[in-house]
Amino acid sequence: MAMDAATIERLIRDGLPDAQVTIEDLRGDGDHYAAHVVSAAFKGKSRVQQHQMVYQTLRGRMGSELHALALQTSPPED
């Protein structure tokens, strides 16, 4: 079962309430997405830690309901 972009965005915002989230369906198939996530929670974190934080918001759906997610993460610019 595929996951829609609105659900991905909601899950990320639930886990990172201050996040600015942009989701793009890369193939139009509901299976391959790109997400750009900006959150103050990322300050001082490595890129790997930032991505782990986003994956945690997806609550185990990565690899099952959500096949592929290309992530771009960053803290907000001051």
N, C-alpha and C. Protein backbone atom coordinates (compact mmCIF):
# COMPACT_ATOMS: atom_id res chain seq x y z
N MET A 1 0.84 -1.17 0.00
CA MET A 1 0.00 0.00 0.00
C MET A 1 0.89 1.24 0.00
N ALA A 2 0.66 2.13 -0.92
CA ALA A 2 1.46 3.36 -1.03
C ALA A 2 0.99 4.40 -0.02
N MET A 3 1.85 5.34 0.27
CA MET A 3 1.55 6.43 1.19
C MET A 3 1.48 7.72 0.38
N ASP A 4 0.51 8.56 0.67
CA ASP A 4 0.40 9.80 -0.09
C ASP A 4 1.23 10.91 0.55
N ALA A 5 1.51 11.95 -0.23
CA ALA A 5 2.37 13.05 0.20
C ALA A 5 1.83 13.75 1.44
N ALA A 6 0.52 13.92 1.51
CA ALA A 6 -0.09 14.60 2.66
C ALA A 6 0.16 13.84 3.96
N THR A 7 0.13 12.53 3.90
CA THR A 7 0.39 11.71 5.09
C THR A 7 1.84 11.82 5.51
N ILE A 8 2.75 11.80 4.56
CA ILE A 8 4.17 11.96 4.87
C ILE A 8 4.40 13.30 5.55
N GLU A 9 3.84 14.35 4.96
CA GLU A 9 4.00 15.69 5.53
C GLU A 9 3.42 15.77 6.94
N ARG A 10 2.25 15.20 7.14
CA ARG A 10 1.61 15.22 8.46
C ARG A 10 2.46 14.51 9.50
N LEU A 11 2.98 13.33 9.16
CA LEU A 11 3.80 12.57 10.09
C LEU A 11 5.06 13.35 10.48
N ILE A 12 5.70 13.96 9.49
CA ILE A 12 6.91 14.74 9.78
C ILE A 12 6.58 15.93 10.66
N ARG A 13 5.49 16.64 10.34
CA ARG A 13 5.10 17.80 11.16
C ARG A 13 4.66 17.39 12.57
N ASP A 14 4.06 16.23 12.70
CA ASP A 14 3.69 15.74 14.03
C ASP A 14 4.93 15.51 14.89
N GLY A 15 5.98 14.97 14.27
CA GLY A 15 7.21 14.67 15.00
C GLY A 15 8.13 15.86 15.15
N LEU A 16 8.07 16.79 14.21
CA LEU A 16 8.90 18.00 14.24
C LEU A 16 7.98 19.19 14.00
N PRO A 17 7.27 19.64 15.05
CA PRO A 17 6.20 20.62 14.88
C PRO A 17 6.60 21.94 14.23
N ASP A 18 7.86 22.34 14.36
CA ASP A 18 8.28 23.60 13.76
C ASP A 18 8.74 23.45 12.30
N ALA A 19 8.72 22.23 11.80
CA ALA A 19 9.31 21.95 10.48
C ALA A 19 8.57 22.62 9.33
N GLN A 20 9.38 23.07 8.39
CA GLN A 20 8.87 23.49 7.09
C GLN A 20 9.12 22.29 6.18
N VAL A 21 8.07 21.75 5.60
CA VAL A 21 8.16 20.50 4.86
C VAL A 21 7.64 20.69 3.44
N THR A 22 8.45 20.24 2.48
CA THR A 22 8.03 20.22 1.08
C THR A 22 8.19 18.79 0.59
N ILE A 23 7.12 18.22 0.04
CA ILE A 23 7.14 16.85 -0.45
C ILE A 23 6.90 16.87 -1.96
N GLU A 24 7.67 16.07 -2.68
CA GLU A 24 7.50 15.94 -4.13
C GLU A 24 7.40 14.46 -4.49
N ASP A 25 6.38 14.10 -5.26
CA ASP A 25 6.24 12.74 -5.77
C ASP A 25 7.11 12.65 -7.02
N LEU A 26 8.22 11.95 -6.93
CA LEU A 26 9.22 11.96 -7.99
C LEU A 26 8.78 11.26 -9.27
N ARG A 27 7.98 10.22 -9.15
CA ARG A 27 7.59 9.45 -10.33
C ARG A 27 6.08 9.47 -10.60
N GLY A 28 5.33 10.11 -9.72
CA GLY A 28 3.89 10.12 -9.87
C GLY A 28 3.24 8.80 -9.53
N ASP A 29 3.99 7.93 -8.83
CA ASP A 29 3.48 6.59 -8.51
C ASP A 29 3.11 6.42 -7.05
N GLY A 30 3.29 7.47 -6.23
CA GLY A 30 2.97 7.36 -4.82
C GLY A 30 3.92 6.47 -4.05
N ASP A 31 5.07 6.15 -4.62
CA ASP A 31 6.04 5.26 -4.00
C ASP A 31 7.43 5.88 -3.84
N HIS A 32 7.72 6.90 -4.64
CA HIS A 32 9.06 7.51 -4.65
C HIS A 32 8.91 9.01 -4.43
N TYR A 33 9.35 9.46 -3.26
CA TYR A 33 9.19 10.85 -2.88
C TYR A 33 10.53 11.50 -2.56
N ALA A 34 10.53 12.82 -2.65
CA ALA A 34 11.63 13.64 -2.14
C ALA A 34 11.02 14.56 -1.09
N ALA A 35 11.74 14.78 -0.01
CA ALA A 35 11.28 15.67 1.04
C ALA A 35 12.40 16.65 1.39
N HIS A 36 12.02 17.90 1.50
CA HIS A 36 12.94 18.93 2.01
C HIS A 36 12.37 19.37 3.35
N VAL A 37 13.15 19.20 4.39
CA VAL A 37 12.68 19.48 5.75
C VAL A 37 13.64 20.45 6.43
N VAL A 38 13.10 21.56 6.91
CA VAL A 38 13.87 22.55 7.64
C VAL A 38 13.29 22.63 9.05
N SER A 39 14.16 22.44 10.05
CA SER A 39 13.69 22.46 11.44
C SER A 39 14.80 22.95 12.36
N ALA A 40 14.43 23.76 13.34
CA ALA A 40 15.40 24.21 14.34
C ALA A 40 15.94 23.04 15.15
N ALA A 41 15.21 21.94 15.22
CA ALA A 41 15.66 20.75 15.94
C ALA A 41 16.92 20.16 15.33
N PHE A 42 17.24 20.53 14.09
CA PHE A 42 18.42 20.01 13.40
C PHE A 42 19.70 20.75 13.76
N LYS A 43 19.59 21.89 14.45
CA LYS A 43 20.79 22.67 14.79
C LYS A 43 21.76 21.82 15.60
N GLY A 44 23.02 21.84 15.17
CA GLY A 44 24.07 21.10 15.88
C GLY A 44 24.08 19.61 15.59
N LYS A 45 23.18 19.14 14.73
CA LYS A 45 23.11 17.71 14.40
C LYS A 45 23.81 17.47 13.06
N SER A 46 24.41 16.29 12.93
CA SER A 46 25.00 15.91 11.65
C SER A 46 23.88 15.61 10.66
N ARG A 47 24.21 15.54 9.40
CA ARG A 47 23.21 15.22 8.37
C ARG A 47 22.59 13.85 8.64
N VAL A 48 23.39 12.89 9.06
CA VAL A 48 22.87 11.55 9.37
C VAL A 48 21.87 11.63 10.52
N GLN A 49 22.20 12.39 11.56
CA GLN A 49 21.30 12.53 12.70
C GLN A 49 20.00 13.22 12.28
N GLN A 50 20.10 14.22 11.41
CA GLN A 50 18.91 14.90 10.91
C GLN A 50 18.00 13.92 10.17
N HIS A 51 18.59 13.11 9.31
CA HIS A 51 17.81 12.13 8.55
C HIS A 51 17.19 11.10 9.48
N GLN A 52 17.93 10.67 10.49
CA GLN A 52 17.38 9.72 11.46
C GLN A 52 16.17 10.31 12.17
N MET A 53 16.24 11.59 12.49
CA MET A 53 15.12 12.26 13.15
C MET A 53 13.87 12.24 12.26
N VAL A 54 14.06 12.47 10.97
CA VAL A 54 12.92 12.45 10.05
C VAL A 54 12.38 11.02 9.93
N TYR A 55 13.26 10.04 9.79
CA TYR A 55 12.81 8.66 9.68
C TYR A 55 12.03 8.24 10.93
N GLN A 56 12.42 8.72 12.10
CA GLN A 56 11.69 8.39 13.33
C GLN A 56 10.25 8.91 13.27
N THR A 57 10.04 10.06 12.63
CA THR A 57 8.69 10.61 12.54
C THR A 57 7.79 9.74 11.68
N LEU A 58 8.38 8.93 10.81
CA LEU A 58 7.59 8.09 9.90
C LEU A 58 7.12 6.79 10.56
N ARG A 59 7.53 6.58 11.79
CA ARG A 59 7.03 5.49 12.63
C ARG A 59 7.07 4.11 11.97
N GLY A 60 8.22 3.75 11.41
CA GLY A 60 8.39 2.41 10.86
C GLY A 60 7.76 2.17 9.51
N ARG A 61 7.24 3.20 8.87
CA ARG A 61 6.59 3.01 7.56
C ARG A 61 7.58 2.98 6.41
N MET A 62 8.81 3.45 6.67
CA MET A 62 9.83 3.43 5.62
C MET A 62 10.16 1.99 5.27
N GLY A 63 10.10 1.68 3.99
CA GLY A 63 10.39 0.33 3.54
C GLY A 63 9.16 -0.54 3.40
N SER A 64 8.05 -0.10 3.96
CA SER A 64 6.81 -0.86 3.79
C SER A 64 5.81 0.00 3.01
N GLU A 65 5.10 0.88 3.70
CA GLU A 65 4.15 1.77 3.02
C GLU A 65 4.87 2.80 2.16
N LEU A 66 6.06 3.18 2.58
CA LEU A 66 6.84 4.19 1.87
C LEU A 66 8.10 3.53 1.33
N HIS A 67 8.18 3.40 0.01
CA HIS A 67 9.28 2.66 -0.61
C HIS A 67 10.57 3.47 -0.65
N ALA A 68 10.52 4.72 -1.11
CA ALA A 68 11.73 5.51 -1.27
C ALA A 68 11.47 6.97 -0.90
N LEU A 69 12.41 7.53 -0.12
CA LEU A 69 12.30 8.93 0.28
C LEU A 69 13.69 9.55 0.22
N ALA A 70 13.88 10.45 -0.74
CA ALA A 70 15.13 11.20 -0.84
C ALA A 70 15.00 12.41 0.08
N LEU A 71 15.92 12.54 1.03
CA LEU A 71 15.81 13.60 2.03
C LEU A 71 16.84 14.70 1.83
N GLN A 72 16.39 15.92 2.00
CA GLN A 72 17.26 17.08 2.15
C GLN A 72 16.82 17.73 3.46
N THR A 73 17.75 17.87 4.39
CA THR A 73 17.40 18.44 5.69
C THR A 73 18.38 19.56 6.02
N SER A 74 17.89 20.51 6.81
CA SER A 74 18.76 21.59 7.27
C SER A 74 18.07 22.35 8.39
N PRO A 75 18.89 22.99 9.25
CA PRO A 75 18.30 23.92 10.21
C PRO A 75 17.95 25.20 9.47
N PRO A 76 17.10 26.04 10.04
CA PRO A 76 16.77 27.30 9.37
C PRO A 76 18.00 28.21 9.31
N GLU A 77 18.06 29.02 8.28
CA GLU A 77 19.13 29.99 8.19
C GLU A 77 18.83 31.13 9.14
N ASP A 78 19.86 31.61 9.82
CA ASP A 78 19.67 32.71 10.77
C ASP A 78 19.50 34.03 10.09
